[in-house]
Amino acid sequence: MKKIFILSFLFLLSVVNLYADKTSNLFVIERSKNANVVNYDAVLTDDGKINEKKPIDAYWLLYAEKNGEREELSAFDKKAYGYQTTYNKEKGNFDFVLKAVKEKPMVLDLYDNVPKAVIKINDVDCFLEKVYIESKDGALGIPKVSYYELFGKEVATGKDQQQKISVK
């Protein structure tokens, strides 16, 4: 009986995995407010390409409250941490803009079959790894951003890059 239960459980897991989206982590947004982070994943098709209809999955990882459990972004959260992507048919990649970092457009593409977000850090093309946002509580509890920092690795050399950008 125990053997049948285990085999049934393993079968159900394999069926669930067949229909689950395949994702690959791109980068996170960390904040001074607490340990919760916004995680951004590329959504992949079965053949390893970036999904044209839904290229990115963004969600909370709740380290401050729920041991890192996933929680979807609310409509309010999407105003700050949402994004916009546009498929570039000519280049076969995506133009990508984060609402939190509007003035720093990115490109989402495959590099050695791994999805990466490329952004200019210190005027050098870099694979984005992390955005850190420093903020203080403002009116009505809405955070006011003082600055943000970009962290990444140069596309050409792999060298670490970091840039602090003040917000006025």
N, C-alpha and C. Protein backbone atom coordinates (compact mmCIF):
# COMPACT_ATOMS: atom_id res chain seq x y z
N MET A 1 0.83 -1.20 0.00
CA MET A 1 0.00 0.00 0.00
C MET A 1 0.86 1.25 0.00
N LYS A 2 1.92 1.24 0.83
CA LYS A 2 2.82 2.39 0.91
C LYS A 2 3.48 2.63 -0.45
N LYS A 3 3.86 1.56 -1.13
CA LYS A 3 4.51 1.66 -2.43
C LYS A 3 3.57 2.29 -3.46
N ILE A 4 2.31 1.92 -3.45
CA ILE A 4 1.32 2.48 -4.37
C ILE A 4 1.14 3.97 -4.09
N PHE A 5 1.08 4.33 -2.83
CA PHE A 5 0.93 5.74 -2.46
C PHE A 5 2.11 6.56 -2.97
N ILE A 6 3.31 6.08 -2.78
CA ILE A 6 4.52 6.80 -3.21
C ILE A 6 4.53 6.94 -4.73
N LEU A 7 4.21 5.85 -5.44
CA LEU A 7 4.18 5.91 -6.90
C LEU A 7 3.10 6.88 -7.39
N SER A 8 1.96 6.88 -6.76
CA SER A 8 0.88 7.82 -7.13
C SER A 8 1.31 9.26 -6.89
N PHE A 9 1.95 9.50 -5.77
CA PHE A 9 2.43 10.84 -5.43
C PHE A 9 3.45 11.33 -6.45
N LEU A 10 4.40 10.47 -6.82
CA LEU A 10 5.43 10.84 -7.80
C LEU A 10 4.81 11.11 -9.17
N PHE A 11 3.81 10.33 -9.54
CA PHE A 11 3.11 10.55 -10.81
C PHE A 11 2.42 11.90 -10.81
N LEU A 12 1.72 12.23 -9.74
CA LEU A 12 1.04 13.53 -9.65
C LEU A 12 2.03 14.68 -9.73
N LEU A 13 3.18 14.56 -9.09
CA LEU A 13 4.20 15.60 -9.17
C LEU A 13 4.67 15.80 -10.61
N SER A 14 4.87 14.72 -11.33
CA SER A 14 5.35 14.83 -12.71
C SER A 14 4.29 15.48 -13.59
N VAL A 15 3.00 15.18 -13.37
CA VAL A 15 1.93 15.79 -14.15
C VAL A 15 1.87 17.29 -13.85
N VAL A 16 1.98 17.67 -12.61
CA VAL A 16 1.96 19.09 -12.24
C VAL A 16 3.12 19.81 -12.92
N ASN A 17 4.31 19.22 -12.92
CA ASN A 17 5.47 19.86 -13.53
C ASN A 17 5.33 20.01 -15.04
N LEU A 18 4.59 19.12 -15.70
CA LEU A 18 4.39 19.24 -17.13
C LEU A 18 3.65 20.52 -17.49
N TYR A 19 2.75 20.96 -16.62
CA TYR A 19 1.91 22.11 -16.92
C TYR A 19 2.35 23.38 -16.20
N ALA A 20 3.40 23.32 -15.45
CA ALA A 20 3.90 24.51 -14.77
C ALA A 20 4.76 25.32 -15.73
N ASP A 21 4.68 26.66 -15.59
CA ASP A 21 5.55 27.51 -16.38
C ASP A 21 7.00 27.26 -15.98
N LYS A 22 7.86 27.27 -16.98
CA LYS A 22 9.29 27.20 -16.70
C LYS A 22 9.77 28.64 -16.55
N THR A 23 10.55 28.90 -15.51
CA THR A 23 11.04 30.26 -15.29
C THR A 23 12.53 30.23 -15.02
N SER A 24 13.14 31.40 -15.19
CA SER A 24 14.55 31.57 -14.91
C SER A 24 14.70 32.93 -14.24
N ASN A 25 15.33 32.95 -13.07
CA ASN A 25 15.47 34.19 -12.31
C ASN A 25 16.29 35.22 -13.07
N LEU A 26 15.78 36.45 -13.10
CA LEU A 26 16.49 37.56 -13.73
C LEU A 26 17.21 38.42 -12.69
N PHE A 27 16.43 38.99 -11.75
CA PHE A 27 16.99 39.88 -10.73
C PHE A 27 15.96 40.10 -9.65
N VAL A 28 16.37 40.82 -8.59
CA VAL A 28 15.46 41.15 -7.49
C VAL A 28 15.53 42.65 -7.21
N ILE A 29 14.49 43.14 -6.56
CA ILE A 29 14.51 44.48 -5.98
C ILE A 29 14.47 44.31 -4.48
N GLU A 30 15.51 44.81 -3.82
CA GLU A 30 15.56 44.85 -2.35
C GLU A 30 15.23 46.26 -1.93
N ARG A 31 14.68 46.38 -0.72
CA ARG A 31 14.28 47.69 -0.22
C ARG A 31 14.77 47.91 1.19
N SER A 32 14.94 49.16 1.56
CA SER A 32 15.37 49.49 2.92
C SER A 32 14.24 49.25 3.92
N LYS A 33 13.02 49.21 3.47
CA LYS A 33 11.84 49.12 4.34
C LYS A 33 11.82 47.83 5.17
N ASN A 34 12.10 46.68 4.52
CA ASN A 34 12.13 45.39 5.23
C ASN A 34 12.82 44.35 4.35
N ALA A 35 12.81 43.12 4.79
CA ALA A 35 13.54 42.06 4.09
C ALA A 35 12.79 41.48 2.89
N ASN A 36 11.52 41.86 2.69
CA ASN A 36 10.78 41.36 1.54
C ASN A 36 11.42 41.86 0.25
N VAL A 37 11.43 41.02 -0.78
CA VAL A 37 11.99 41.42 -2.07
C VAL A 37 10.97 41.16 -3.18
N VAL A 38 11.12 41.91 -4.26
CA VAL A 38 10.34 41.65 -5.46
C VAL A 38 11.26 40.86 -6.39
N ASN A 39 10.80 39.71 -6.81
CA ASN A 39 11.59 38.82 -7.67
C ASN A 39 11.05 38.91 -9.09
N TYR A 40 11.95 38.94 -10.05
CA TYR A 40 11.58 38.99 -11.47
C TYR A 40 12.18 37.77 -12.15
N ASP A 41 11.31 36.97 -12.77
CA ASP A 41 11.72 35.78 -13.50
C ASP A 41 11.34 35.94 -14.97
N ALA A 42 12.15 35.40 -15.86
CA ALA A 42 11.75 35.26 -17.26
C ALA A 42 10.90 34.00 -17.37
N VAL A 43 9.82 34.09 -18.12
CA VAL A 43 8.96 32.93 -18.35
C VAL A 43 9.37 32.31 -19.69
N LEU A 44 9.63 31.02 -19.67
CA LEU A 44 10.16 30.32 -20.84
C LEU A 44 9.15 29.36 -21.44
N THR A 45 9.25 29.19 -22.74
CA THR A 45 8.43 28.20 -23.44
C THR A 45 9.10 26.83 -23.29
N ASP A 46 8.43 25.80 -23.75
CA ASP A 46 8.98 24.44 -23.65
C ASP A 46 10.32 24.29 -24.37
N ASP A 47 10.52 25.09 -25.44
CA ASP A 47 11.77 24.98 -26.19
C ASP A 47 12.84 25.96 -25.70
N GLY A 48 12.62 26.59 -24.53
CA GLY A 48 13.64 27.42 -23.91
C GLY A 48 13.68 28.87 -24.37
N LYS A 49 12.71 29.29 -25.17
CA LYS A 49 12.63 30.68 -25.61
C LYS A 49 11.85 31.49 -24.58
N ILE A 50 12.03 32.80 -24.61
CA ILE A 50 11.26 33.68 -23.71
C ILE A 50 9.84 33.77 -24.27
N ASN A 51 8.87 33.58 -23.40
CA ASN A 51 7.46 33.58 -23.78
C ASN A 51 7.06 34.97 -24.28
N GLU A 52 6.61 35.06 -25.54
CA GLU A 52 6.25 36.37 -26.12
C GLU A 52 5.01 36.97 -25.47
N LYS A 53 4.07 36.14 -25.03
CA LYS A 53 2.83 36.65 -24.46
C LYS A 53 3.00 37.09 -23.01
N LYS A 54 3.82 36.37 -22.26
CA LYS A 54 4.07 36.70 -20.86
C LYS A 54 5.56 36.47 -20.58
N PRO A 55 6.40 37.45 -20.93
CA PRO A 55 7.84 37.24 -20.80
C PRO A 55 8.37 37.28 -19.37
N ILE A 56 7.63 37.94 -18.47
CA ILE A 56 8.15 38.13 -17.11
C ILE A 56 7.09 37.81 -16.08
N ASP A 57 7.54 37.21 -14.98
CA ASP A 57 6.69 36.96 -13.81
C ASP A 57 7.34 37.69 -12.64
N ALA A 58 6.62 38.67 -12.10
CA ALA A 58 7.12 39.44 -10.95
C ALA A 58 6.24 39.16 -9.74
N TYR A 59 6.88 38.96 -8.58
CA TYR A 59 6.13 38.61 -7.38
C TYR A 59 6.98 38.90 -6.14
N TRP A 60 6.32 38.96 -4.99
CA TRP A 60 6.99 39.14 -3.71
C TRP A 60 7.57 37.83 -3.21
N LEU A 61 8.69 37.91 -2.55
CA LEU A 61 9.18 36.84 -1.68
C LEU A 61 9.18 37.44 -0.28
N LEU A 62 8.31 36.95 0.59
CA LEU A 62 8.06 37.57 1.89
C LEU A 62 8.99 37.03 2.97
N TYR A 63 10.20 37.52 2.98
CA TYR A 63 11.19 37.09 3.97
C TYR A 63 10.94 37.72 5.33
N ALA A 64 10.30 38.89 5.38
CA ALA A 64 10.07 39.58 6.65
C ALA A 64 8.93 38.94 7.44
N GLU A 65 7.93 38.38 6.76
CA GLU A 65 6.77 37.86 7.47
C GLU A 65 6.56 36.35 7.36
N LYS A 66 6.81 35.79 6.18
CA LYS A 66 6.34 34.42 5.93
C LYS A 66 7.44 33.50 5.40
N ASN A 67 8.62 33.57 5.95
CA ASN A 67 9.71 32.65 5.60
C ASN A 67 9.97 32.55 4.10
N GLY A 68 9.85 33.67 3.39
CA GLY A 68 10.16 33.68 1.97
C GLY A 68 9.06 33.17 1.07
N GLU A 69 7.84 33.05 1.58
CA GLU A 69 6.73 32.57 0.75
C GLU A 69 6.45 33.55 -0.38
N ARG A 70 5.99 33.01 -1.48
CA ARG A 70 5.63 33.82 -2.65
C ARG A 70 4.27 34.45 -2.44
N GLU A 71 4.12 35.71 -2.90
CA GLU A 71 2.83 36.40 -2.92
C GLU A 71 2.79 37.25 -4.17
N GLU A 72 1.67 37.23 -4.86
CA GLU A 72 1.54 38.01 -6.09
C GLU A 72 1.55 39.50 -5.78
N LEU A 73 1.99 40.31 -6.73
CA LEU A 73 1.95 41.76 -6.58
C LEU A 73 0.50 42.22 -6.66
N SER A 74 0.13 43.11 -5.77
CA SER A 74 -1.22 43.68 -5.81
C SER A 74 -1.26 44.77 -6.89
N ALA A 75 -2.45 45.26 -7.19
CA ALA A 75 -2.58 46.36 -8.16
C ALA A 75 -1.80 47.58 -7.68
N PHE A 76 -1.82 47.84 -6.37
CA PHE A 76 -1.05 48.95 -5.80
C PHE A 76 0.45 48.71 -5.97
N ASP A 77 0.91 47.49 -5.69
CA ASP A 77 2.34 47.15 -5.83
C ASP A 77 2.81 47.34 -7.27
N LYS A 78 1.95 47.02 -8.23
CA LYS A 78 2.34 47.10 -9.64
C LYS A 78 2.59 48.54 -10.07
N LYS A 79 2.02 49.51 -9.35
CA LYS A 79 2.30 50.92 -9.67
C LYS A 79 3.76 51.26 -9.40
N ALA A 80 4.35 50.61 -8.41
CA ALA A 80 5.76 50.86 -8.07
C ALA A 80 6.70 49.82 -8.67
N TYR A 81 6.30 48.55 -8.68
CA TYR A 81 7.20 47.46 -9.06
C TYR A 81 6.80 46.76 -10.36
N GLY A 82 5.81 47.32 -11.03
CA GLY A 82 5.38 46.74 -12.29
C GLY A 82 6.41 47.00 -13.38
N TYR A 83 6.08 46.59 -14.57
CA TYR A 83 7.01 46.69 -15.69
C TYR A 83 6.22 46.74 -16.99
N GLN A 84 6.92 47.10 -18.05
CA GLN A 84 6.33 47.07 -19.37
C GLN A 84 7.34 46.41 -20.31
N THR A 85 6.86 45.46 -21.10
CA THR A 85 7.72 44.82 -22.10
C THR A 85 7.10 44.98 -23.47
N THR A 86 7.95 45.11 -24.46
CA THR A 86 7.51 45.17 -25.85
C THR A 86 8.41 44.25 -26.65
N TYR A 87 7.79 43.34 -27.39
CA TYR A 87 8.57 42.41 -28.20
C TYR A 87 9.11 43.14 -29.42
N ASN A 88 10.40 43.01 -29.67
CA ASN A 88 11.07 43.59 -30.82
C ASN A 88 11.25 42.48 -31.85
N LYS A 89 10.34 42.41 -32.84
CA LYS A 89 10.36 41.33 -33.83
C LYS A 89 11.65 41.31 -34.63
N GLU A 90 12.17 42.48 -34.93
CA GLU A 90 13.39 42.58 -35.74
C GLU A 90 14.58 41.94 -35.03
N LYS A 91 14.72 42.19 -33.74
CA LYS A 91 15.86 41.67 -32.98
C LYS A 91 15.53 40.37 -32.25
N GLY A 92 14.24 40.06 -32.11
CA GLY A 92 13.85 38.83 -31.43
C GLY A 92 14.04 38.90 -29.92
N ASN A 93 14.04 40.12 -29.37
CA ASN A 93 14.16 40.28 -27.92
C ASN A 93 13.08 41.24 -27.43
N PHE A 94 13.19 41.66 -26.18
CA PHE A 94 12.17 42.50 -25.57
C PHE A 94 12.77 43.79 -25.05
N ASP A 95 12.11 44.91 -25.33
CA ASP A 95 12.42 46.16 -24.64
C ASP A 95 11.68 46.06 -23.31
N PHE A 96 12.33 46.49 -22.24
CA PHE A 96 11.86 46.20 -20.90
C PHE A 96 12.11 47.42 -20.01
N VAL A 97 11.06 47.90 -19.35
CA VAL A 97 11.19 49.05 -18.46
C VAL A 97 10.51 48.72 -17.13
N LEU A 98 11.23 48.95 -16.04
CA LEU A 98 10.66 48.82 -14.69
C LEU A 98 10.07 50.15 -14.28
N LYS A 99 8.91 50.14 -13.63
CA LYS A 99 8.34 51.39 -13.14
C LYS A 99 9.22 52.00 -12.06
N ALA A 100 9.90 51.17 -11.28
CA ALA A 100 10.76 51.67 -10.20
C ALA A 100 12.02 52.34 -10.74
N VAL A 101 12.38 52.04 -11.99
CA VAL A 101 13.62 52.55 -12.58
C VAL A 101 13.32 52.98 -14.02
N LYS A 102 12.33 53.86 -14.19
CA LYS A 102 11.83 54.23 -15.52
C LYS A 102 12.90 54.81 -16.44
N GLU A 103 13.82 55.54 -15.86
CA GLU A 103 14.82 56.24 -16.67
C GLU A 103 15.97 55.33 -17.10
N LYS A 104 15.87 54.03 -16.82
CA LYS A 104 16.91 53.06 -17.18
C LYS A 104 16.29 51.91 -17.97
N PRO A 105 16.03 52.10 -19.26
CA PRO A 105 15.44 51.01 -20.05
C PRO A 105 16.41 49.83 -20.17
N MET A 106 15.82 48.66 -20.37
CA MET A 106 16.60 47.43 -20.46
C MET A 106 16.21 46.65 -21.70
N VAL A 107 16.97 45.60 -21.95
CA VAL A 107 16.65 44.63 -23.00
C VAL A 107 16.63 43.26 -22.33
N LEU A 108 15.60 42.50 -22.61
CA LEU A 108 15.48 41.12 -22.13
C LEU A 108 15.76 40.20 -23.31
N ASP A 109 16.78 39.35 -23.16
CA ASP A 109 17.17 38.48 -24.27
C ASP A 109 17.86 37.24 -23.70
N LEU A 110 18.11 36.28 -24.58
CA LEU A 110 18.84 35.07 -24.21
C LEU A 110 20.33 35.25 -24.50
N TYR A 111 21.16 34.88 -23.53
CA TYR A 111 22.61 34.89 -23.68
C TYR A 111 23.08 33.49 -23.31
N ASP A 112 23.65 32.80 -24.27
CA ASP A 112 24.02 31.39 -24.06
C ASP A 112 22.82 30.59 -23.55
N ASN A 113 21.66 30.85 -24.13
CA ASN A 113 20.39 30.18 -23.80
C ASN A 113 19.88 30.47 -22.40
N VAL A 114 20.40 31.52 -21.75
CA VAL A 114 19.94 31.92 -20.42
C VAL A 114 19.36 33.33 -20.53
N PRO A 115 18.11 33.53 -20.07
CA PRO A 115 17.53 34.87 -20.14
C PRO A 115 18.23 35.83 -19.19
N LYS A 116 18.48 37.04 -19.69
CA LYS A 116 19.14 38.08 -18.91
C LYS A 116 18.51 39.42 -19.22
N ALA A 117 18.50 40.30 -18.22
CA ALA A 117 18.08 41.69 -18.40
C ALA A 117 19.35 42.52 -18.49
N VAL A 118 19.52 43.24 -19.61
CA VAL A 118 20.70 44.06 -19.82
C VAL A 118 20.32 45.53 -19.63
N ILE A 119 21.11 46.21 -18.79
CA ILE A 119 20.87 47.61 -18.44
C ILE A 119 22.21 48.34 -18.44
N LYS A 120 22.18 49.63 -18.67
CA LYS A 120 23.40 50.43 -18.59
C LYS A 120 23.65 50.77 -17.12
N ILE A 121 24.81 50.36 -16.62
CA ILE A 121 25.28 50.75 -15.28
C ILE A 121 26.61 51.44 -15.50
N ASN A 122 26.69 52.70 -15.09
CA ASN A 122 27.89 53.51 -15.35
C ASN A 122 28.22 53.53 -16.84
N ASP A 123 27.17 53.62 -17.67
CA ASP A 123 27.30 53.68 -19.13
C ASP A 123 27.90 52.43 -19.76
N VAL A 124 27.84 51.30 -19.06
CA VAL A 124 28.36 50.03 -19.57
C VAL A 124 27.21 49.02 -19.57
N ASP A 125 27.07 48.24 -20.65
CA ASP A 125 26.04 47.20 -20.70
C ASP A 125 26.34 46.15 -19.65
N CYS A 126 25.35 45.90 -18.78
CA CYS A 126 25.51 44.94 -17.68
C CYS A 126 24.29 44.05 -17.57
N PHE A 127 24.53 42.82 -17.09
CA PHE A 127 23.43 41.94 -16.71
C PHE A 127 22.97 42.40 -15.34
N LEU A 128 21.72 42.81 -15.22
CA LEU A 128 21.20 43.29 -13.94
C LEU A 128 21.02 42.12 -12.98
N GLU A 129 21.52 42.28 -11.74
CA GLU A 129 21.36 41.26 -10.71
C GLU A 129 20.44 41.74 -9.59
N LYS A 130 20.55 43.05 -9.27
CA LYS A 130 19.78 43.54 -8.13
C LYS A 130 19.59 45.05 -8.25
N VAL A 131 18.43 45.51 -7.77
CA VAL A 131 18.15 46.93 -7.56
C VAL A 131 17.88 47.08 -6.07
N TYR A 132 18.54 48.05 -5.44
CA TYR A 132 18.29 48.35 -4.03
C TYR A 132 17.63 49.72 -3.97
N ILE A 133 16.51 49.81 -3.26
CA ILE A 133 15.78 51.07 -3.15
C ILE A 133 15.80 51.54 -1.70
N GLU A 134 16.33 52.73 -1.49
CA GLU A 134 16.34 53.39 -0.18
C GLU A 134 15.17 54.35 -0.13
N SER A 135 14.31 54.19 0.88
CA SER A 135 13.13 55.06 0.98
C SER A 135 12.79 55.34 2.43
N LYS A 136 12.01 56.37 2.60
CA LYS A 136 11.46 56.76 3.90
C LYS A 136 9.94 56.82 3.76
N ASP A 137 9.22 56.55 4.85
CA ASP A 137 7.77 56.67 4.78
C ASP A 137 7.38 58.12 4.58
N GLY A 138 6.50 58.34 3.61
CA GLY A 138 6.02 59.68 3.30
C GLY A 138 4.58 59.84 3.75
N ALA A 139 3.91 60.81 3.14
CA ALA A 139 2.51 61.09 3.45
C ALA A 139 1.65 59.86 3.18
N LEU A 140 0.72 59.60 4.08
CA LEU A 140 -0.22 58.48 3.98
C LEU A 140 0.48 57.13 3.92
N GLY A 141 1.71 57.07 4.45
CA GLY A 141 2.44 55.81 4.48
C GLY A 141 3.04 55.38 3.16
N ILE A 142 2.94 56.24 2.14
CA ILE A 142 3.51 55.94 0.83
C ILE A 142 5.00 56.26 0.87
N PRO A 143 5.86 55.28 0.59
CA PRO A 143 7.30 55.51 0.67
C PRO A 143 7.77 56.57 -0.33
N LYS A 144 8.73 57.36 0.10
CA LYS A 144 9.38 58.34 -0.77
C LYS A 144 10.81 57.86 -1.00
N VAL A 145 11.15 57.60 -2.25
CA VAL A 145 12.46 57.06 -2.61
C VAL A 145 13.52 58.15 -2.54
N SER A 146 14.61 57.88 -1.80
CA SER A 146 15.75 58.79 -1.72
C SER A 146 16.74 58.51 -2.84
N TYR A 147 17.03 57.22 -3.03
CA TYR A 147 17.94 56.81 -4.10
C TYR A 147 17.74 55.33 -4.38
N TYR A 148 18.29 54.91 -5.50
CA TYR A 148 18.34 53.48 -5.78
C TYR A 148 19.74 53.15 -6.30
N GLU A 149 20.10 51.88 -6.12
CA GLU A 149 21.39 51.41 -6.60
C GLU A 149 21.17 50.22 -7.53
N LEU A 150 21.94 50.20 -8.59
CA LEU A 150 21.91 49.10 -9.55
C LEU A 150 23.16 48.26 -9.36
N PHE A 151 23.00 46.96 -9.38
CA PHE A 151 24.12 46.03 -9.24
C PHE A 151 24.07 45.05 -10.41
N GLY A 152 25.20 44.83 -11.05
CA GLY A 152 25.22 43.91 -12.16
C GLY A 152 26.63 43.52 -12.54
N LYS A 153 26.72 42.74 -13.61
CA LYS A 153 28.01 42.29 -14.14
C LYS A 153 28.10 42.73 -15.60
N GLU A 154 29.26 43.26 -15.98
CA GLU A 154 29.47 43.71 -17.34
C GLU A 154 29.25 42.55 -18.31
N VAL A 155 28.52 42.81 -19.39
CA VAL A 155 28.26 41.79 -20.40
C VAL A 155 29.58 41.32 -21.01
N ALA A 156 30.47 42.25 -21.32
CA ALA A 156 31.71 41.92 -22.03
C ALA A 156 32.75 41.22 -21.17
N THR A 157 32.85 41.62 -19.87
CA THR A 157 33.97 41.13 -19.05
C THR A 157 33.56 40.33 -17.82
N GLY A 158 32.30 40.46 -17.38
CA GLY A 158 31.87 39.81 -16.14
C GLY A 158 32.24 40.60 -14.90
N LYS A 159 32.88 41.74 -15.07
CA LYS A 159 33.30 42.59 -13.95
C LYS A 159 32.06 43.18 -13.25
N ASP A 160 32.11 43.23 -11.90
CA ASP A 160 31.02 43.81 -11.12
C ASP A 160 30.90 45.31 -11.40
N GLN A 161 29.66 45.77 -11.47
CA GLN A 161 29.36 47.20 -11.60
C GLN A 161 28.28 47.56 -10.60
N GLN A 162 28.36 48.79 -10.10
CA GLN A 162 27.37 49.31 -9.15
C GLN A 162 27.21 50.80 -9.42
N GLN A 163 25.97 51.28 -9.37
CA GLN A 163 25.71 52.70 -9.59
C GLN A 163 24.60 53.16 -8.67
N LYS A 164 24.87 54.25 -7.95
CA LYS A 164 23.89 54.86 -7.06
C LYS A 164 23.27 56.05 -7.79
N ILE A 165 21.93 56.11 -7.80
CA ILE A 165 21.23 57.18 -8.50
C ILE A 165 20.27 57.85 -7.52
N SER A 166 20.49 59.15 -7.29
CA SER A 166 19.63 59.92 -6.39
C SER A 166 18.33 60.25 -7.09
N VAL A 167 17.25 60.28 -6.32
CA VAL A 167 15.94 60.62 -6.84
C VAL A 167 15.53 61.96 -6.24
N LYS A 168 15.13 62.86 -7.09
CA LYS A 168 14.76 64.22 -6.63
C LYS A 168 13.30 64.34 -6.36
